[in-house]
Amino acid sequence: MLRDNEVLRKMIATGEERMSKLASQLLQNETLMGALQKTVSAALEAKATAERAAQTALGAMNIPTSGDVKKLEGKIEELEKVFEGLSAKIAELQQKKDAQSQAQAQPQPQPQPH
């Protein structure tokens, strides 16, 4: 209903055009872009500093970090693969042993006298 209103459509189009011009002017402003770049750079540096401090604090309290947990998860996955391989080998050896036991348990045909 509202989009059918011609006046409203013109207002929206005018608003979009003005916002586009404003955004373009802001992006062309070197002072603003320099300040924005410095702000983002400082924020990223502060984040990195906070992360290092948190890792140091967690290490001092002997609490694992998310990186430590990920490393352990990787080692656990490796061990699971090794365990699966060993389990398969054990099952294979057990089958061979069972087959040999069955072969030895079956009565051997006695040679018939002539």
C-alpha atoms as a PDB file:
ATOM      1  CA  MET A   1       0.000   0.000   0.000  1.00  0.00           C
ATOM      2  CA  LEU A   2       2.632   2.514   1.040  1.00  0.00           C
ATOM      3  CA  ARG A   3       4.860   1.644  -1.913  1.00  0.00           C
ATOM      4  CA  ASP A   4       2.026   2.481  -4.268  1.00  0.00           C
ATOM      5  CA  ASN A   5       2.060   6.056  -2.955  1.00  0.00           C
ATOM      6  CA  GLU A   6       3.896   8.189  -5.519  1.00  0.00           C
ATOM      7  CA  VAL A   7       4.898  10.859  -2.975  1.00  0.00           C
ATOM      8  CA  LEU A   8       6.363   8.252  -0.646  1.00  0.00           C
ATOM      9  CA  ARG A   9       8.328   6.676  -3.506  1.00  0.00           C
ATOM     10  CA  LYS A  10       9.806  10.043  -4.454  1.00  0.00           C
ATOM     11  CA  MET A  11      10.753  10.714  -0.830  1.00  0.00           C
ATOM     12  CA  ILE A  12      12.469   7.343  -0.587  1.00  0.00           C
ATOM     13  CA  ALA A  13      14.328   7.882  -3.863  1.00  0.00           C
ATOM     14  CA  THR A  14      15.443  11.349  -2.761  1.00  0.00           C
ATOM     15  CA  GLY A  15      16.567  10.000   0.612  1.00  0.00           C
ATOM     16  CA  GLU A  16      18.552   7.203  -1.031  1.00  0.00           C
ATOM     17  CA  GLU A  17      20.184   9.660  -3.424  1.00  0.00           C
ATOM     18  CA  ARG A  18      21.174  12.030  -0.614  1.00  0.00           C
ATOM     19  CA  MET A  19      22.532   9.192   1.532  1.00  0.00           C
ATOM     20  CA  SER A  20      24.570   7.963  -1.422  1.00  0.00           C
ATOM     21  CA  LYS A  21      26.062  11.425  -1.944  1.00  0.00           C
ATOM     22  CA  LEU A  22      26.812  11.779   1.774  1.00  0.00           C
ATOM     23  CA  ALA A  23      28.500   8.378   1.906  1.00  0.00           C
ATOM     24  CA  SER A  24      30.551   9.253  -1.170  1.00  0.00           C
ATOM     25  CA  GLN A  25      31.640  12.560   0.351  1.00  0.00           C
ATOM     26  CA  LEU A  26      32.599  10.879   3.616  1.00  0.00           C
ATOM     27  CA  LEU A  27      34.641   8.234   1.829  1.00  0.00           C
ATOM     28  CA  GLN A  28      36.466  10.930  -0.151  1.00  0.00           C
ATOM     29  CA  ASN A  29      37.355  12.873   2.986  1.00  0.00           C
ATOM     30  CA  GLU A  30      41.015  12.009   3.648  1.00  0.00           C
ATOM     31  CA  THR A  31      40.946  13.306   7.215  1.00  0.00           C
ATOM     32  CA  LEU A  32      37.963  11.122   8.113  1.00  0.00           C
ATOM     33  CA  MET A  33      39.411   8.073   6.369  1.00  0.00           C
ATOM     34  CA  GLY A  34      42.773   8.578   8.115  1.00  0.00           C
ATOM     35  CA  ALA A  35      41.076   8.841  11.484  1.00  0.00           C
ATOM     36  CA  LEU A  36      38.945   5.792  10.733  1.00  0.00           C
ATOM     37  CA  GLN A  37      42.019   3.825   9.692  1.00  0.00           C
ATOM     38  CA  LYS A  38      43.866   4.815  12.871  1.00  0.00           C
ATOM     39  CA  THR A  39      40.854   3.854  14.974  1.00  0.00           C
ATOM     40  CA  VAL A  40      40.540   0.440  13.364  1.00  0.00           C
ATOM     41  CA  SER A  41      44.281  -0.119  13.652  1.00  0.00           C
ATOM     42  CA  ALA A  42      44.265   0.846  17.333  1.00  0.00           C
ATOM     43  CA  ALA A  43      41.283  -1.418  17.984  1.00  0.00           C
ATOM     44  CA  LEU A  44      43.011  -4.390  16.360  1.00  0.00           C
ATOM     45  CA  GLU A  45      46.181  -3.706  18.341  1.00  0.00           C
ATOM     46  CA  ALA A  46      44.193  -3.432  21.576  1.00  0.00           C
ATOM     47  CA  LYS A  47      42.468  -6.739  20.783  1.00  0.00           C
ATOM     48  CA  ALA A  48      45.805  -8.460  20.190  1.00  0.00           C
ATOM     49  CA  THR A  49      47.185  -7.031  23.443  1.00  0.00           C
ATOM     50  CA  ALA A  50      44.118  -8.209  25.355  1.00  0.00           C
ATOM     51  CA  GLU A  51      44.409 -11.695  23.850  1.00  0.00           C
ATOM     52  CA  ARG A  52      48.077 -11.938  24.826  1.00  0.00           C
ATOM     53  CA  ALA A  53      47.272 -10.765  28.350  1.00  0.00           C
ATOM     54  CA  ALA A  54      44.453 -13.291  28.632  1.00  0.00           C
ATOM     55  CA  GLN A  55      46.723 -16.113  27.440  1.00  0.00           C
ATOM     56  CA  THR A  56      49.386 -15.086  29.951  1.00  0.00           C
ATOM     57  CA  ALA A  57      46.835 -14.930  32.768  1.00  0.00           C
ATOM     58  CA  LEU A  58      45.331 -18.303  31.851  1.00  0.00           C
ATOM     59  CA  GLY A  59      48.799 -19.811  31.646  1.00  0.00           C
ATOM     60  CA  ALA A  60      49.675 -18.431  35.062  1.00  0.00           C
ATOM     61  CA  MET A  61      46.541 -20.029  36.493  1.00  0.00           C
ATOM     62  CA  ASN A  62      47.312 -23.266  34.643  1.00  0.00           C
ATOM     63  CA  ILE A  63      44.077 -23.018  32.658  1.00  0.00           C
ATOM     64  CA  PRO A  64      44.269 -24.179  29.039  1.00  0.00           C
ATOM     65  CA  THR A  65      43.554 -21.683  26.285  1.00  0.00           C
ATOM     66  CA  SER A  66      41.361 -22.431  23.280  1.00  0.00           C
ATOM     67  CA  GLY A  67      44.562 -22.986  21.297  1.00  0.00           C
ATOM     68  CA  ASP A  68      45.708 -25.565  23.850  1.00  0.00           C
ATOM     69  CA  VAL A  69      42.342 -27.315  23.622  1.00  0.00           C
ATOM     70  CA  LYS A  70      42.518 -27.383  19.809  1.00  0.00           C
ATOM     71  CA  LYS A  71      46.001 -28.925  19.940  1.00  0.00           C
ATOM     72  CA  LEU A  72      44.759 -31.587  22.333  1.00  0.00           C
ATOM     73  CA  GLU A  73      41.747 -32.277  20.121  1.00  0.00           C
ATOM     74  CA  GLY A  74      44.121 -32.834  17.196  1.00  0.00           C
ATOM     75  CA  LYS A  75      46.218 -35.252  19.237  1.00  0.00           C
ATOM     76  CA  ILE A  76      43.098 -37.098  20.377  1.00  0.00           C
ATOM     77  CA  GLU A  77      41.969 -37.478  16.754  1.00  0.00           C
ATOM     78  CA  GLU A  78      45.374 -38.886  15.834  1.00  0.00           C
ATOM     79  CA  LEU A  79      45.204 -41.350  18.725  1.00  0.00           C
ATOM     80  CA  GLU A  80      41.685 -42.386  17.710  1.00  0.00           C
ATOM     81  CA  LYS A  81      42.931 -43.187  14.211  1.00  0.00           C
ATOM     82  CA  VAL A  82      45.826 -45.219  15.616  1.00  0.00           C
ATOM     83  CA  PHE A  83      43.416 -47.006  17.963  1.00  0.00           C
ATOM     84  CA  GLU A  84      41.043 -47.801  15.088  1.00  0.00           C
ATOM     85  CA  GLY A  85      43.940 -49.230  13.091  1.00  0.00           C
ATOM     86  CA  LEU A  86      45.080 -51.345  16.024  1.00  0.00           C
ATOM     87  CA  SER A  87      41.522 -52.543  16.670  1.00  0.00           C
ATOM     88  CA  ALA A  88      41.171 -53.596  13.039  1.00  0.00           C
ATOM     89  CA  LYS A  89      44.505 -55.437  13.168  1.00  0.00           C
ATOM     90  CA  ILE A  90      43.531 -57.189  16.418  1.00  0.00           C
ATOM     91  CA  ALA A  91      40.188 -58.239  14.891  1.00  0.00           C
ATOM     92  CA  GLU A  92      42.002 -59.577  11.824  1.00  0.00           C
ATOM     93  CA  LEU A  93      44.459 -61.560  13.956  1.00  0.00           C
ATOM     94  CA  GLN A  94      41.588 -62.890  16.083  1.00  0.00           C
ATOM     95  CA  GLN A  95      39.781 -64.094  12.958  1.00  0.00           C
ATOM     96  CA  LYS A  96      42.925 -65.848  11.747  1.00  0.00           C
ATOM     97  CA  LYS A  97      43.372 -67.478  15.140  1.00  0.00           C
ATOM     98  CA  ASP A  98      39.739 -68.594  15.217  1.00  0.00           C
ATOM     99  CA  ALA A  99      40.035 -70.022  11.701  1.00  0.00           C
ATOM    100  CA  GLN A 100      43.169 -71.943  12.706  1.00  0.00           C
ATOM    101  CA  SER A 101      41.478 -73.238  15.864  1.00  0.00           C
ATOM    102  CA  GLN A 102      38.496 -74.420  13.873  1.00  0.00           C
ATOM    103  CA  ALA A 103      40.724 -76.122  11.332  1.00  0.00           C
ATOM    104  CA  GLN A 104      42.594 -77.948  14.106  1.00  0.00           C
ATOM    105  CA  ALA A 105      39.365 -78.871  15.915  1.00  0.00           C
ATOM    106  CA  GLN A 106      37.813 -80.534  12.881  1.00  0.00           C
ATOM    107  CA  PRO A 107      38.457 -84.255  12.807  1.00  0.00           C
ATOM    108  CA  GLN A 108      40.941 -85.283  10.201  1.00  0.00           C
ATOM    109  CA  PRO A 109      39.700 -88.050   7.915  1.00  0.00           C
ATOM    110  CA  GLN A 110      41.318 -91.318   8.834  1.00  0.00           C
ATOM    111  CA  PRO A 111      43.000 -93.203   6.020  1.00  0.00           C
ATOM    112  CA  GLN A 112      40.932 -96.272   5.187  1.00  0.00           C
ATOM    113  CA  PRO A 113      42.681 -99.648   5.092  1.00  0.00           C
ATOM    114  CA  HIS A 114      42.829-101.369   1.714  1.00  0.00           C
END
